[in-house]
C-alpha atoms as a PDB file:
ATOM      1  CA  MET A   1       0.000   0.000   0.000  1.00  0.00           C
ATOM      2  CA  ALA A   2       1.152   3.546  -0.778  1.00  0.00           C
ATOM      3  CA  VAL A   3      -0.281   7.061  -0.522  1.00  0.00           C
ATOM      4  CA  LEU A   4      -0.273   9.679  -3.280  1.00  0.00           C
ATOM      5  CA  VAL A   5      -0.271  13.246  -1.915  1.00  0.00           C
ATOM      6  CA  GLU A   6      -1.428  16.281  -3.918  1.00  0.00           C
ATOM      7  CA  ASP A   7      -0.106  19.006  -1.617  1.00  0.00           C
ATOM      8  CA  VAL A   8       2.485  19.102   1.188  1.00  0.00           C
ATOM      9  CA  THR A   9       2.503  22.239   3.348  1.00  0.00           C
ATOM     10  CA  ALA A  10       5.182  23.058   5.918  1.00  0.00           C
ATOM     11  CA  TRP A  11       3.236  23.644   9.173  1.00  0.00           C
ATOM     12  CA  GLY A  12       5.758  23.974  11.985  1.00  0.00           C
ATOM     13  CA  VAL A  13       8.112  21.972  14.178  1.00  0.00           C
ATOM     14  CA  ALA A  14       8.072  19.381  16.942  1.00  0.00           C
ATOM     15  CA  GLY A  15      10.464  20.033  19.787  1.00  0.00           C
ATOM     16  CA  ILE A  16      11.059  21.218  23.331  1.00  0.00           C
ATOM     17  CA  VAL A  17       9.695  24.659  24.234  1.00  0.00           C
ATOM     18  CA  TYR A  18      11.769  26.719  26.673  1.00  0.00           C
ATOM     19  CA  ALA A  19      10.759  29.577  28.950  1.00  0.00           C
ATOM     20  CA  PRO A  20      12.806  32.749  28.374  1.00  0.00           C
ATOM     21  CA  GLU A  21      13.172  33.518  32.108  1.00  0.00           C
ATOM     22  CA  PRO A  22      14.586  31.344  33.613  1.00  0.00           C
ATOM     23  CA  LEU A  23      15.803  29.448  30.587  1.00  0.00           C
ATOM     24  CA  LYS A  24      14.381  25.991  31.249  1.00  0.00           C
ATOM     25  CA  PRO A  25      12.071  23.570  29.428  1.00  0.00           C
ATOM     26  CA  LEU A  26       8.340  24.123  29.850  1.00  0.00           C
ATOM     27  CA  PRO A  27       6.209  21.128  30.827  1.00  0.00           C
ATOM     28  CA  SER A  28       4.546  19.391  27.875  1.00  0.00           C
ATOM     29  CA  ASP A  29       1.117  17.773  27.675  1.00  0.00           C
ATOM     30  CA  GLY A  30       2.536  14.298  28.238  1.00  0.00           C
ATOM     31  CA  GLU A  31       4.044  13.967  24.779  1.00  0.00           C
ATOM     32  CA  GLN A  32       7.795  13.820  24.234  1.00  0.00           C
ATOM     33  CA  PHE A  33       7.709  16.878  21.934  1.00  0.00           C
ATOM     34  CA  THR A  34       5.393  19.867  21.614  1.00  0.00           C
ATOM     35  CA  LEU A  35       3.971  20.806  18.199  1.00  0.00           C
ATOM     36  CA  VAL A  36       4.606  24.498  17.462  1.00  0.00           C
ATOM     37  CA  ALA A  37       3.301  26.211  14.314  1.00  0.00           C
ATOM     38  CA  TYR A  38       5.533  28.585  12.352  1.00  0.00           C
ATOM     39  CA  ASP A  39       3.312  31.542  13.329  1.00  0.00           C
ATOM     40  CA  ASP A  40       3.307  30.608  17.047  1.00  0.00           C
ATOM     41  CA  PRO A  41       5.045  33.162  19.336  1.00  0.00           C
ATOM     42  CA  ARG A  42       6.785  30.246  21.120  1.00  0.00           C
ATOM     43  CA  LEU A  43       8.717  29.322  17.967  1.00  0.00           C
ATOM     44  CA  PRO A  44      11.881  31.313  18.839  1.00  0.00           C
ATOM     45  CA  TRP A  45      11.985  29.510  22.200  1.00  0.00           C
ATOM     46  CA  THR A  46      11.606  26.027  20.693  1.00  0.00           C
ATOM     47  CA  LEU A  47      14.470  23.611  20.228  1.00  0.00           C
ATOM     48  CA  ALA A  48      13.151  21.789  17.157  1.00  0.00           C
ATOM     49  CA  CYS A  49      14.022  18.222  16.345  1.00  0.00           C
ATOM     50  CA  ARG A  50      11.484  17.519  13.577  1.00  0.00           C
ATOM     51  CA  GLU A  51       9.632  19.454  10.922  1.00  0.00           C
ATOM     52  CA  VAL A  52       5.848  19.018  10.853  1.00  0.00           C
ATOM     53  CA  VAL A  53       4.064  19.059   7.499  1.00  0.00           C
ATOM     54  CA  ALA A  54       0.386  18.884   6.557  1.00  0.00           C
ATOM     55  CA  LEU A  55      -0.606  16.459   3.813  1.00  0.00           C
ATOM     56  CA  HIS A  56      -3.636  17.327   1.654  1.00  0.00           C
ATOM     57  CA  GLY A  57      -5.370  15.375  -1.093  1.00  0.00           C
ATOM     58  CA  CYS A  58      -4.182  11.939   0.030  1.00  0.00           C
ATOM     59  CA  THR A  59      -5.159   8.893  -2.009  1.00  0.00           C
ATOM     60  CA  VAL A  60      -4.371   5.333  -0.943  1.00  0.00           C
ATOM     61  CA  VAL A  61      -3.202   3.105  -3.813  1.00  0.00           C
ATOM     62  CA  GLY A  62      -1.949  -0.453  -4.018  1.00  0.00           C
ATOM     63  CA  LEU A  63       1.713  -0.968  -4.869  1.00  0.00           C
ATOM     64  CA  ASP A  64       0.764  -2.966  -7.973  1.00  0.00           C
ATOM     65  CA  ASP A  65      -1.392  -0.058  -9.198  1.00  0.00           C
ATOM     66  CA  LEU A  66       1.422   2.382  -8.464  1.00  0.00           C
ATOM     67  CA  ALA A  67       3.895   0.322 -10.503  1.00  0.00           C
ATOM     68  CA  GLU A  68       1.465   0.329 -13.449  1.00  0.00           C
ATOM     69  CA  GLN A  69       0.976   4.124 -13.218  1.00  0.00           C
ATOM     70  CA  THR A  70       4.699   4.904 -13.144  1.00  0.00           C
ATOM     71  CA  ALA A  71       5.472   2.509 -16.016  1.00  0.00           C
ATOM     72  CA  ALA A  72       2.956   4.203 -18.317  1.00  0.00           C
END
């Protein structure tokens, strides 16, 4: 199984958010990393470890069908 994606949009980052004063990590909601959008005011205080993207227009296809489409 595979997924064809029409549009990929950069959304933000996943990482550890720090408080400016004193400089220490803020508690998260139980997850290892906090999701922070690019327009979020916490972004400059986030130590990012992953980029987060939004996938739009997703279509699930079988691998056999995908091989036929790319061969044509």
